[in-house]
Structure formats: C-alpha cells, structure tokens
Amino acid sequence: QAASRPPRFYVPERIDAAVSLESSRASLPFSSRTFLVEGDEAKHVIKSLRLKEGDSVELCDGLGTTVSCTITSLDKARWQAWVQPTQDPLTLQWCGPQWVLCVGCLTLKGGRTEWLVEKATEVGAHSLIPLSTERSTVTEPKSKFRTSSSSPRKAAKGDAESEFQPGRLERVAIAATKQ
C-alpha cells in the first residue's frame, strides 16, 4: 500500500522566495525558516483535523512550490499554527497547457459558480474573468456571491462590482489546488 500524503495547506507567501532570501544570507539553512499558517487554514489544522505539535503537513504557495513541514506550535485562541520545514522545497514546473479561460456568465444558480471555479482550477486554467454587462440582472435574490450591502435593484442598474465576492471564489480556487 502506498503511504498517504500529509495534509496540504496554502500559505500566501512565496515559498521559493524564502529559499532565495535564505540562501543569499548563507547563514541559515532553509530548515530553520518558520512559516505561519493563519485563518481558515489554521482552523482546519486545529479544529477539523486535530493535528498536534510534531505532526507532518505539507505547505503550498499556489505557484507550484511545496514543502514538507512539521508543526512546531499551535495557538488555538488565535487560530495560528507555526510550522518548520523538514526538507528543502520542491518546485514543480507546469507541464500542461497554460491557457486563459474566459467564461461569460453571471451569478449561476445553485452553487454552480463555485463548481465552475473549482473545475477550472483543477484542469489548470490560468485565470477566470467574470462577465458583467449593462443588461446583467440577478435572477436569484439571495445569491451568496453578492455582498450584504447590494440589492437586486442596484445590481440590475449596473452595480457590477457587488455581484461577486472575489474572496469567496478565491477560497474555492485555493481549496481546489489542494485536491
């Protein structure tokens, strides 16, 4: 039986940038670097997976670099986890096609916008560009992609910026990269 991969978590900082910074100093090895995992990722580490200090995890930066780490400290009150690399980072160059996926769609019903973002990320789409036109209307009055301050009436008048919550769709894309 194949050994299972440790759980993977996203960090917003570039892992390979930390490598070049550390190697330019030439005084500290990469394994002495500490990464901070915060927010939803740390909450998943602490509450959902119930990982403890000494457990192995894998970090990714969403740009093709991963590194195996060990949890060194947990702060349950602030939802923070500090991890330290156990190996040098591994950067995988994208071998597949790099293409731009342009999708012209509005707020889709039934969570289909999330599905679209997730599947496009899984197949390796370079970017997604939501389409909002003058005639765009919202067909679903309680869309979870609309901010709480917007209303269907404002959206129908062309308040296109309130249609999507980019942070929510970004979280869906990040989750898809960990699959």
N, C-alpha and C. Protein backbone atom coordinates (compact mmCIF):
# COMPACT_ATOMS: atom_id res chain seq x y z
N GLN A 1 0.83 -1.18 0.00
CA GLN A 1 0.00 0.00 0.00
C GLN A 1 0.87 1.24 0.00
N ALA A 2 0.46 2.23 -0.75
CA ALA A 2 1.20 3.47 -0.83
C ALA A 2 0.96 4.32 0.42
N ALA A 3 2.01 4.99 0.86
CA ALA A 3 1.87 5.87 2.03
C ALA A 3 1.05 7.09 1.64
N SER A 4 0.19 7.53 2.53
CA SER A 4 -0.64 8.68 2.22
C SER A 4 0.16 9.97 2.40
N ARG A 5 -0.19 10.96 1.61
CA ARG A 5 0.46 12.26 1.66
C ARG A 5 -0.07 13.01 2.87
N PRO A 6 0.76 13.78 3.57
CA PRO A 6 0.26 14.57 4.70
C PRO A 6 -0.70 15.65 4.21
N PRO A 7 -1.55 16.18 5.06
CA PRO A 7 -2.49 17.21 4.64
C PRO A 7 -1.75 18.43 4.10
N ARG A 8 -2.30 19.03 3.05
CA ARG A 8 -1.66 20.17 2.39
C ARG A 8 -2.41 21.45 2.75
N PHE A 9 -1.65 22.50 3.04
CA PHE A 9 -2.22 23.79 3.41
C PHE A 9 -1.59 24.90 2.58
N TYR A 10 -2.38 25.90 2.29
CA TYR A 10 -1.95 27.03 1.47
C TYR A 10 -1.36 28.12 2.35
N VAL A 11 -0.23 28.68 1.92
CA VAL A 11 0.33 29.88 2.56
C VAL A 11 0.44 30.95 1.48
N PRO A 12 0.05 32.18 1.79
CA PRO A 12 0.05 33.23 0.77
C PRO A 12 1.43 33.70 0.33
N GLU A 13 2.45 33.50 1.15
CA GLU A 13 3.80 33.95 0.77
C GLU A 13 4.45 32.92 -0.15
N ARG A 14 5.33 33.41 -1.01
CA ARG A 14 6.04 32.51 -1.93
C ARG A 14 7.07 31.70 -1.17
N ILE A 15 6.99 30.41 -1.28
CA ILE A 15 7.92 29.53 -0.58
C ILE A 15 9.30 29.62 -1.23
N ASP A 16 9.37 29.63 -2.55
CA ASP A 16 10.67 29.69 -3.22
C ASP A 16 11.36 31.03 -3.03
N ALA A 17 10.61 32.11 -2.77
CA ALA A 17 11.22 33.40 -2.46
C ALA A 17 11.95 33.32 -1.13
N ALA A 18 11.39 32.56 -0.21
CA ALA A 18 12.05 32.37 1.08
C ALA A 18 13.36 31.62 0.89
N VAL A 19 13.39 30.71 -0.09
CA VAL A 19 14.62 29.96 -0.36
C VAL A 19 15.71 30.89 -0.85
N SER A 20 15.40 31.74 -1.83
CA SER A 20 16.42 32.62 -2.37
C SER A 20 16.87 33.65 -1.33
N LEU A 21 15.95 34.11 -0.48
CA LEU A 21 16.30 35.05 0.57
C LEU A 21 17.25 34.40 1.57
N GLU A 22 16.93 33.20 1.98
CA GLU A 22 17.76 32.50 2.95
C GLU A 22 19.13 32.15 2.36
N SER A 23 19.17 31.70 1.10
CA SER A 23 20.44 31.30 0.52
C SER A 23 21.33 32.51 0.25
N SER A 24 20.73 33.70 0.06
CA SER A 24 21.55 34.89 -0.16
C SER A 24 22.26 35.29 1.13
N ARG A 25 21.65 35.03 2.26
CA ARG A 25 22.30 35.32 3.53
C ARG A 25 23.39 34.29 3.82
N ALA A 26 23.16 33.07 3.37
CA ALA A 26 24.10 31.96 3.53
C ALA A 26 24.46 31.67 4.98
N SER A 27 23.68 32.19 5.91
CA SER A 27 23.99 31.92 7.31
C SER A 27 23.02 30.91 7.92
N LEU A 28 21.79 30.88 7.44
CA LEU A 28 20.79 29.98 7.99
C LEU A 28 20.30 29.01 6.92
N PRO A 29 20.20 27.73 7.24
CA PRO A 29 19.62 26.80 6.26
C PRO A 29 18.10 27.01 6.17
N PHE A 30 17.52 26.54 5.07
CA PHE A 30 16.09 26.71 4.86
C PHE A 30 15.28 26.05 5.96
N SER A 31 15.79 24.96 6.51
CA SER A 31 15.04 24.23 7.54
C SER A 31 14.87 25.03 8.83
N SER A 32 15.62 26.13 9.00
CA SER A 32 15.44 26.96 10.19
C SER A 32 14.34 27.99 10.00
N ARG A 33 13.79 28.10 8.81
CA ARG A 33 12.71 29.04 8.50
C ARG A 33 11.42 28.55 9.13
N THR A 34 10.58 29.46 9.61
CA THR A 34 9.29 29.10 10.18
C THR A 34 8.18 29.78 9.38
N PHE A 35 7.16 29.02 9.04
CA PHE A 35 6.00 29.55 8.32
C PHE A 35 4.82 29.65 9.28
N LEU A 36 4.02 30.68 9.10
CA LEU A 36 2.82 30.87 9.91
C LEU A 36 1.60 30.54 9.07
N VAL A 37 0.78 29.64 9.56
CA VAL A 37 -0.48 29.28 8.91
C VAL A 37 -1.58 29.91 9.75
N GLU A 38 -2.41 30.76 9.11
CA GLU A 38 -3.42 31.51 9.86
C GLU A 38 -4.81 31.31 9.27
N GLY A 39 -5.80 31.86 9.96
CA GLY A 39 -7.17 31.93 9.46
C GLY A 39 -7.82 30.58 9.27
N ASP A 40 -8.53 30.43 8.14
CA ASP A 40 -9.27 29.20 7.87
C ASP A 40 -8.35 27.99 7.77
N GLU A 41 -7.14 28.18 7.22
CA GLU A 41 -6.21 27.07 7.10
C GLU A 41 -5.81 26.56 8.49
N ALA A 42 -5.49 27.48 9.40
CA ALA A 42 -5.10 27.10 10.76
C ALA A 42 -6.28 26.49 11.51
N LYS A 43 -7.47 27.04 11.29
CA LYS A 43 -8.67 26.49 11.93
C LYS A 43 -8.87 25.03 11.49
N HIS A 44 -8.60 24.76 10.21
CA HIS A 44 -8.71 23.40 9.70
C HIS A 44 -7.67 22.49 10.35
N VAL A 45 -6.46 23.01 10.53
CA VAL A 45 -5.39 22.25 11.19
C VAL A 45 -5.81 21.88 12.62
N ILE A 46 -6.28 22.89 13.35
CA ILE A 46 -6.54 22.72 14.79
C ILE A 46 -7.86 22.04 15.08
N LYS A 47 -8.93 22.55 14.48
CA LYS A 47 -10.27 22.08 14.86
C LYS A 47 -10.73 20.86 14.07
N SER A 48 -10.57 20.88 12.76
CA SER A 48 -11.10 19.79 11.94
C SER A 48 -10.20 18.55 11.98
N LEU A 49 -8.91 18.74 11.67
CA LEU A 49 -8.01 17.60 11.62
C LEU A 49 -7.42 17.25 12.98
N ARG A 50 -7.50 18.20 13.93
CA ARG A 50 -6.98 18.00 15.29
C ARG A 50 -5.52 17.56 15.29
N LEU A 51 -4.74 18.24 14.46
CA LEU A 51 -3.31 17.94 14.42
C LEU A 51 -2.63 18.51 15.66
N LYS A 52 -1.54 17.90 16.03
CA LYS A 52 -0.80 18.28 17.23
C LYS A 52 0.62 18.69 16.84
N GLU A 53 1.34 19.25 17.79
CA GLU A 53 2.74 19.59 17.56
C GLU A 53 3.50 18.30 17.25
N GLY A 54 4.36 18.37 16.23
CA GLY A 54 5.12 17.21 15.80
C GLY A 54 4.51 16.49 14.61
N ASP A 55 3.24 16.79 14.28
CA ASP A 55 2.59 16.16 13.12
C ASP A 55 3.14 16.76 11.82
N SER A 56 3.14 15.95 10.77
CA SER A 56 3.64 16.38 9.47
C SER A 56 2.53 17.00 8.64
N VAL A 57 2.87 18.07 7.94
CA VAL A 57 1.97 18.73 7.00
C VAL A 57 2.77 19.11 5.77
N GLU A 58 2.06 19.53 4.74
CA GLU A 58 2.71 20.00 3.53
C GLU A 58 2.16 21.38 3.22
N LEU A 59 3.03 22.32 2.90
CA LEU A 59 2.60 23.67 2.55
C LEU A 59 2.74 23.86 1.05
N CYS A 60 1.82 24.63 0.47
CA CYS A 60 1.92 25.00 -0.93
C CYS A 60 1.63 26.50 -1.05
N ASP A 61 2.23 27.11 -2.07
CA ASP A 61 2.03 28.55 -2.25
C ASP A 61 1.13 28.87 -3.44
N GLY A 62 0.58 27.86 -4.08
CA GLY A 62 -0.30 28.08 -5.23
C GLY A 62 0.45 28.41 -6.50
N LEU A 63 1.78 28.40 -6.46
CA LEU A 63 2.60 28.71 -7.63
C LEU A 63 3.48 27.53 -8.02
N GLY A 64 3.17 26.35 -7.50
CA GLY A 64 3.91 25.15 -7.87
C GLY A 64 4.97 24.72 -6.89
N THR A 65 5.12 25.43 -5.77
CA THR A 65 6.14 25.07 -4.79
C THR A 65 5.47 24.47 -3.56
N THR A 66 5.99 23.32 -3.13
CA THR A 66 5.51 22.67 -1.93
C THR A 66 6.71 22.37 -1.03
N VAL A 67 6.43 22.23 0.25
CA VAL A 67 7.49 21.88 1.20
C VAL A 67 6.88 21.05 2.33
N SER A 68 7.59 19.99 2.71
CA SER A 68 7.16 19.16 3.84
C SER A 68 7.60 19.84 5.13
N CYS A 69 6.69 19.87 6.10
CA CYS A 69 6.95 20.59 7.35
C CYS A 69 6.45 19.78 8.54
N THR A 70 6.86 20.23 9.72
CA THR A 70 6.40 19.69 10.98
C THR A 70 5.80 20.83 11.79
N ILE A 71 4.68 20.58 12.43
CA ILE A 71 4.05 21.59 13.27
C ILE A 71 4.90 21.78 14.52
N THR A 72 5.31 23.03 14.79
CA THR A 72 6.14 23.31 15.96
C THR A 72 5.35 23.96 17.09
N SER A 73 4.26 24.68 16.75
CA SER A 73 3.49 25.36 17.78
C SER A 73 2.09 25.63 17.28
N LEU A 74 1.11 25.58 18.18
CA LEU A 74 -0.29 25.87 17.85
C LEU A 74 -0.84 26.89 18.84
N ASP A 75 -1.63 27.83 18.33
CA ASP A 75 -2.31 28.81 19.18
C ASP A 75 -3.80 28.69 18.87
N LYS A 76 -4.50 27.95 19.71
CA LYS A 76 -5.92 27.69 19.46
C LYS A 76 -6.78 28.93 19.65
N ALA A 77 -6.35 29.85 20.49
CA ALA A 77 -7.14 31.07 20.74
C ALA A 77 -7.12 32.00 19.52
N ARG A 78 -5.99 32.05 18.80
CA ARG A 78 -5.86 32.96 17.65
C ARG A 78 -5.93 32.24 16.31
N TRP A 79 -6.17 30.95 16.30
CA TRP A 79 -6.20 30.15 15.08
C TRP A 79 -4.91 30.34 14.28
N GLN A 80 -3.79 30.01 14.92
CA GLN A 80 -2.50 30.12 14.26
C GLN A 80 -1.71 28.84 14.49
N ALA A 81 -0.94 28.47 13.47
CA ALA A 81 -0.06 27.31 13.59
C ALA A 81 1.29 27.68 12.98
N TRP A 82 2.35 27.37 13.69
CA TRP A 82 3.69 27.61 13.17
C TRP A 82 4.26 26.27 12.75
N VAL A 83 4.84 26.25 11.56
CA VAL A 83 5.41 25.01 11.04
C VAL A 83 6.83 25.28 10.55
N GLN A 84 7.65 24.24 10.64
CA GLN A 84 9.04 24.35 10.24
C GLN A 84 9.34 23.29 9.19
N PRO A 85 10.02 23.68 8.11
CA PRO A 85 10.33 22.71 7.05
C PRO A 85 11.22 21.59 7.53
N THR A 86 10.97 20.39 7.00
CA THR A 86 11.81 19.24 7.31
C THR A 86 12.66 18.86 6.11
N GLN A 87 12.34 19.43 4.94
CA GLN A 87 13.08 19.17 3.71
C GLN A 87 13.17 20.48 2.92
N ASP A 88 14.01 20.47 1.90
CA ASP A 88 14.06 21.63 1.01
C ASP A 88 12.79 21.64 0.18
N PRO A 89 12.34 22.82 -0.24
CA PRO A 89 11.10 22.90 -1.03
C PRO A 89 11.27 22.28 -2.41
N LEU A 90 10.17 21.82 -2.93
CA LEU A 90 10.13 21.20 -4.25
C LEU A 90 9.29 22.08 -5.15
N THR A 91 9.88 22.54 -6.25
CA THR A 91 9.14 23.38 -7.20
C THR A 91 8.87 22.56 -8.45
N LEU A 92 7.61 22.41 -8.76
CA LEU A 92 7.20 21.67 -9.95
C LEU A 92 6.80 22.66 -11.03
N GLN A 93 7.46 22.59 -12.16
CA GLN A 93 7.10 23.45 -13.28
C GLN A 93 5.86 22.89 -13.95
N TRP A 94 4.96 23.78 -14.35
CA TRP A 94 3.73 23.37 -15.01
C TRP A 94 4.07 22.77 -16.36
N CYS A 95 3.66 21.54 -16.59
CA CYS A 95 3.97 20.84 -17.84
C CYS A 95 2.81 20.87 -18.83
N GLY A 96 1.64 21.15 -18.35
CA GLY A 96 0.47 21.14 -19.22
C GLY A 96 0.29 22.47 -19.93
N PRO A 97 -0.78 22.57 -20.68
CA PRO A 97 -1.01 23.82 -21.40
C PRO A 97 -1.37 24.95 -20.43
N GLN A 98 -0.89 26.13 -20.72
CA GLN A 98 -1.28 27.28 -19.93
C GLN A 98 -2.16 28.13 -20.82
N TRP A 99 -3.43 28.15 -20.47
CA TRP A 99 -4.38 28.85 -21.30
C TRP A 99 -5.25 29.73 -20.44
N VAL A 100 -5.82 30.70 -21.06
CA VAL A 100 -6.70 31.62 -20.35
C VAL A 100 -8.13 31.19 -20.63
N LEU A 101 -8.85 30.93 -19.58
CA LEU A 101 -10.25 30.53 -19.71
C LEU A 101 -11.10 31.76 -19.46
N CYS A 102 -11.80 32.19 -20.48
CA CYS A 102 -12.71 33.33 -20.35
C CYS A 102 -14.13 32.80 -20.38
N VAL A 103 -14.83 32.99 -19.30
CA VAL A 103 -16.20 32.50 -19.19
C VAL A 103 -17.12 33.69 -19.03
N GLY A 104 -18.11 33.79 -19.90
CA GLY A 104 -19.11 34.85 -19.79
C GLY A 104 -20.33 34.33 -19.08
N CYS A 105 -20.40 34.55 -17.78
CA CYS A 105 -21.56 34.09 -17.02
C CYS A 105 -21.82 35.06 -15.88
N LEU A 106 -23.03 35.08 -15.46
CA LEU A 106 -23.43 35.89 -14.32
C LEU A 106 -23.47 35.01 -13.09
N THR A 107 -24.18 35.43 -12.09
CA THR A 107 -24.33 34.61 -10.90
C THR A 107 -25.13 33.38 -11.28
N LEU A 108 -24.51 32.23 -11.17
CA LEU A 108 -25.18 30.99 -11.53
C LEU A 108 -25.94 30.46 -10.33
N LYS A 109 -27.04 29.80 -10.60
CA LYS A 109 -27.87 29.27 -9.51
C LYS A 109 -27.27 28.01 -8.91
N GLY A 110 -27.63 27.78 -7.66
CA GLY A 110 -27.33 26.50 -7.01
C GLY A 110 -25.86 26.21 -6.79
N GLY A 111 -25.04 27.19 -6.56
CA GLY A 111 -23.62 26.94 -6.30
C GLY A 111 -22.82 26.58 -7.52
N ARG A 112 -23.35 26.84 -8.70
CA ARG A 112 -22.64 26.46 -9.92
C ARG A 112 -21.45 27.36 -10.22
N THR A 113 -21.45 28.57 -9.68
CA THR A 113 -20.28 29.43 -9.85
C THR A 113 -19.09 28.81 -9.12
N GLU A 114 -19.33 28.32 -7.91
CA GLU A 114 -18.27 27.63 -7.17
C GLU A 114 -17.80 26.41 -7.94
N TRP A 115 -18.71 25.66 -8.49
CA TRP A 115 -18.36 24.46 -9.26
C TRP A 115 -17.50 24.86 -10.46
N LEU A 116 -17.88 25.93 -11.15
CA LEU A 116 -17.13 26.39 -12.31
C LEU A 116 -15.71 26.78 -11.92
N VAL A 117 -15.55 27.52 -10.85
CA VAL A 117 -14.22 27.95 -10.38
C VAL A 117 -13.40 26.73 -9.97
N GLU A 118 -14.01 25.81 -9.25
CA GLU A 118 -13.31 24.61 -8.79
C GLU A 118 -12.81 23.77 -9.96
N LYS A 119 -13.68 23.49 -10.92
CA LYS A 119 -13.30 22.63 -12.05
C LYS A 119 -12.28 23.31 -12.96
N ALA A 120 -12.43 24.62 -13.18
CA ALA A 120 -11.47 25.34 -14.00
C ALA A 120 -10.09 25.33 -13.34
N THR A 121 -10.04 25.44 -12.02
CA THR A 121 -8.77 25.38 -11.30
C THR A 121 -8.17 23.99 -11.41
N GLU A 122 -8.99 22.96 -11.28
CA GLU A 122 -8.48 21.59 -11.35
C GLU A 122 -7.90 21.26 -12.71
N VAL A 123 -8.48 21.79 -13.79
CA VAL A 123 -7.95 21.49 -15.12
C VAL A 123 -6.79 22.40 -15.50
N GLY A 124 -6.46 23.37 -14.64
CA GLY A 124 -5.28 24.18 -14.86
C GLY A 124 -5.52 25.50 -15.55
N ALA A 125 -6.71 26.05 -15.41
CA ALA A 125 -6.98 27.35 -16.04
C ALA A 125 -6.05 28.40 -15.45
N HIS A 126 -5.58 29.28 -16.30
CA HIS A 126 -4.67 30.34 -15.88
C HIS A 126 -5.42 31.45 -15.15
N SER A 127 -6.61 31.79 -15.61
CA SER A 127 -7.42 32.81 -14.94
C SER A 127 -8.87 32.68 -15.35
N LEU A 128 -9.73 33.26 -14.54
CA LEU A 128 -11.16 33.33 -14.84
C LEU A 128 -11.57 34.80 -14.80
N ILE A 129 -12.33 35.22 -15.77
CA ILE A 129 -12.77 36.60 -15.84
C ILE A 129 -14.29 36.63 -15.86
N PRO A 130 -14.93 37.06 -14.76
CA PRO A 130 -16.39 37.12 -14.76
C PRO A 130 -16.89 38.24 -15.67
N LEU A 131 -18.00 38.01 -16.32
CA LEU A 131 -18.57 38.96 -17.26
C LEU A 131 -19.74 39.67 -16.60
N SER A 132 -19.72 40.96 -16.67
CA SER A 132 -20.82 41.76 -16.16
C SER A 132 -21.11 42.84 -17.19
N THR A 133 -22.32 42.85 -17.69
CA THR A 133 -22.68 43.81 -18.73
C THR A 133 -23.76 44.76 -18.23
N GLU A 134 -24.09 45.72 -19.05
CA GLU A 134 -25.12 46.69 -18.70
C GLU A 134 -26.47 46.01 -18.51
N ARG A 135 -26.73 44.96 -19.26
CA ARG A 135 -28.01 44.25 -19.18
C ARG A 135 -28.00 43.09 -18.20
N SER A 136 -26.92 42.93 -17.46
CA SER A 136 -26.84 41.84 -16.48
C SER A 136 -27.89 42.04 -15.40
N THR A 137 -28.58 40.97 -15.09
CA THR A 137 -29.54 41.01 -13.99
C THR A 137 -29.30 39.82 -13.09
N VAL A 138 -29.72 39.96 -11.89
CA VAL A 138 -29.58 38.88 -10.92
C VAL A 138 -30.90 38.12 -10.91
N THR A 139 -30.83 36.82 -11.15
CA THR A 139 -32.05 36.02 -11.18
C THR A 139 -32.33 35.36 -9.84
N GLU A 140 -31.36 35.36 -8.96
CA GLU A 140 -31.52 34.71 -7.67
C GLU A 140 -31.41 35.79 -6.58
N PRO A 141 -32.50 36.10 -5.88
CA PRO A 141 -32.48 37.21 -4.95
C PRO A 141 -31.54 37.06 -3.78
N LYS A 142 -31.24 35.85 -3.33
CA LYS A 142 -30.38 35.65 -2.18
C LYS A 142 -29.09 34.95 -2.60
N SER A 143 -28.39 35.52 -3.55
CA SER A 143 -27.15 34.94 -4.02
C SER A 143 -26.07 35.08 -2.97
N LYS A 144 -25.35 34.01 -2.70
CA LYS A 144 -24.29 34.08 -1.70
C LYS A 144 -23.04 34.74 -2.25
N PHE A 145 -23.05 35.14 -3.51
CA PHE A 145 -21.91 35.80 -4.10
C PHE A 145 -22.08 37.31 -4.08
N ARG A 146 -23.21 37.79 -3.63
CA ARG A 146 -23.45 39.22 -3.57
C ARG A 146 -23.13 39.70 -2.17
N THR A 147 -22.61 40.89 -2.05
CA THR A 147 -22.32 41.42 -0.72
C THR A 147 -23.62 41.80 -0.05
N SER A 148 -23.59 41.93 1.26
CA SER A 148 -24.81 42.20 2.01
C SER A 148 -25.36 43.58 1.73
N SER A 149 -24.52 44.51 1.25
CA SER A 149 -24.98 45.87 1.02
C SER A 149 -25.69 46.05 -0.32
N SER A 150 -25.54 45.08 -1.22
CA SER A 150 -26.16 45.24 -2.54
C SER A 150 -27.55 44.63 -2.56
N SER A 151 -28.34 45.11 -3.48
CA SER A 151 -29.68 44.58 -3.63
C SER A 151 -29.90 44.23 -5.09
N PRO A 152 -30.89 43.38 -5.40
CA PRO A 152 -31.15 43.05 -6.79
C PRO A 152 -31.44 44.29 -7.64
N ARG A 153 -32.07 45.29 -7.05
CA ARG A 153 -32.39 46.51 -7.80
C ARG A 153 -31.10 47.23 -8.20
N LYS A 154 -30.14 47.36 -7.26
CA LYS A 154 -28.87 48.00 -7.57
C LYS A 154 -28.11 47.20 -8.61
N ALA A 155 -28.14 45.88 -8.47
CA ALA A 155 -27.43 45.03 -9.41
C ALA A 155 -28.02 45.17 -10.81
N ALA A 156 -29.32 45.29 -10.90
CA ALA A 156 -29.95 45.44 -12.21
C ALA A 156 -29.59 46.76 -12.85
N LYS A 157 -29.27 47.76 -12.03
CA LYS A 157 -28.90 49.06 -12.58
C LYS A 157 -27.43 49.12 -12.98
N GLY A 158 -26.71 48.03 -12.82
CA GLY A 158 -25.34 48.01 -13.28
C GLY A 158 -24.31 48.07 -12.17
N ASP A 159 -24.67 47.77 -10.96
CA ASP A 159 -23.71 47.73 -9.87
C ASP A 159 -22.95 46.40 -9.95
N ALA A 160 -22.11 46.28 -10.97
CA ALA A 160 -21.45 45.01 -11.28
C ALA A 160 -20.44 44.61 -10.23
N GLU A 161 -19.86 45.57 -9.53
CA GLU A 161 -18.83 45.25 -8.55
C GLU A 161 -19.39 44.47 -7.37
N SER A 162 -20.69 44.57 -7.11
CA SER A 162 -21.27 43.89 -5.96
C SER A 162 -21.74 42.47 -6.30
N GLU A 163 -21.64 42.06 -7.55
CA GLU A 163 -22.14 40.76 -7.96
C GLU A 163 -21.38 39.60 -7.34
N PHE A 164 -20.05 39.62 -7.41
CA PHE A 164 -19.24 38.50 -6.94
C PHE A 164 -18.43 38.93 -5.74
N GLN A 165 -18.24 38.01 -4.83
CA GLN A 165 -17.32 38.24 -3.73
C GLN A 165 -16.03 37.52 -4.10
N PRO A 166 -15.05 38.25 -4.61
CA PRO A 166 -13.82 37.60 -5.08
C PRO A 166 -13.14 36.77 -4.00
N GLY A 167 -13.20 37.18 -2.75
CA GLY A 167 -12.57 36.43 -1.68
C GLY A 167 -13.14 35.03 -1.56
N ARG A 168 -14.44 34.90 -1.72
CA ARG A 168 -15.09 33.60 -1.61
C ARG A 168 -14.65 32.69 -2.75
N LEU A 169 -14.65 33.21 -3.96
CA LEU A 169 -14.26 32.41 -5.12
C LEU A 169 -12.76 32.08 -5.07
N GLU A 170 -11.96 32.98 -4.52
CA GLU A 170 -10.53 32.71 -4.36
C GLU A 170 -10.33 31.56 -3.39
N ARG A 171 -11.11 31.52 -2.31
CA ARG A 171 -11.01 30.40 -1.36
C ARG A 171 -11.39 29.08 -2.01
N VAL A 172 -12.37 29.11 -2.91
CA VAL A 172 -12.77 27.90 -3.63
C VAL A 172 -11.61 27.43 -4.53
N ALA A 173 -10.96 28.39 -5.20
CA ALA A 173 -9.84 28.05 -6.07
C ALA A 173 -8.67 27.49 -5.26
N ILE A 174 -8.39 28.07 -4.11
CA ILE A 174 -7.30 27.57 -3.26
C ILE A 174 -7.61 26.17 -2.78
N ALA A 175 -8.86 25.92 -2.41
CA ALA A 175 -9.24 24.57 -1.97
C ALA A 175 -9.06 23.57 -3.11
N ALA A 176 -9.35 23.99 -4.34
CA ALA A 176 -9.21 23.09 -5.49
C ALA A 176 -7.75 22.77 -5.77
N THR A 177 -6.83 23.69 -5.47
CA THR A 177 -5.41 23.40 -5.70
C THR A 177 -4.89 22.36 -4.75
N LYS A 178 -5.58 22.15 -3.63
CA LYS A 178 -5.12 21.17 -2.64
C LYS A 178 -5.64 19.77 -2.93
N GLN A 179 -6.44 19.61 -3.96
CA GLN A 179 -7.02 18.30 -4.28
C GLN A 179 -5.97 17.38 -4.85
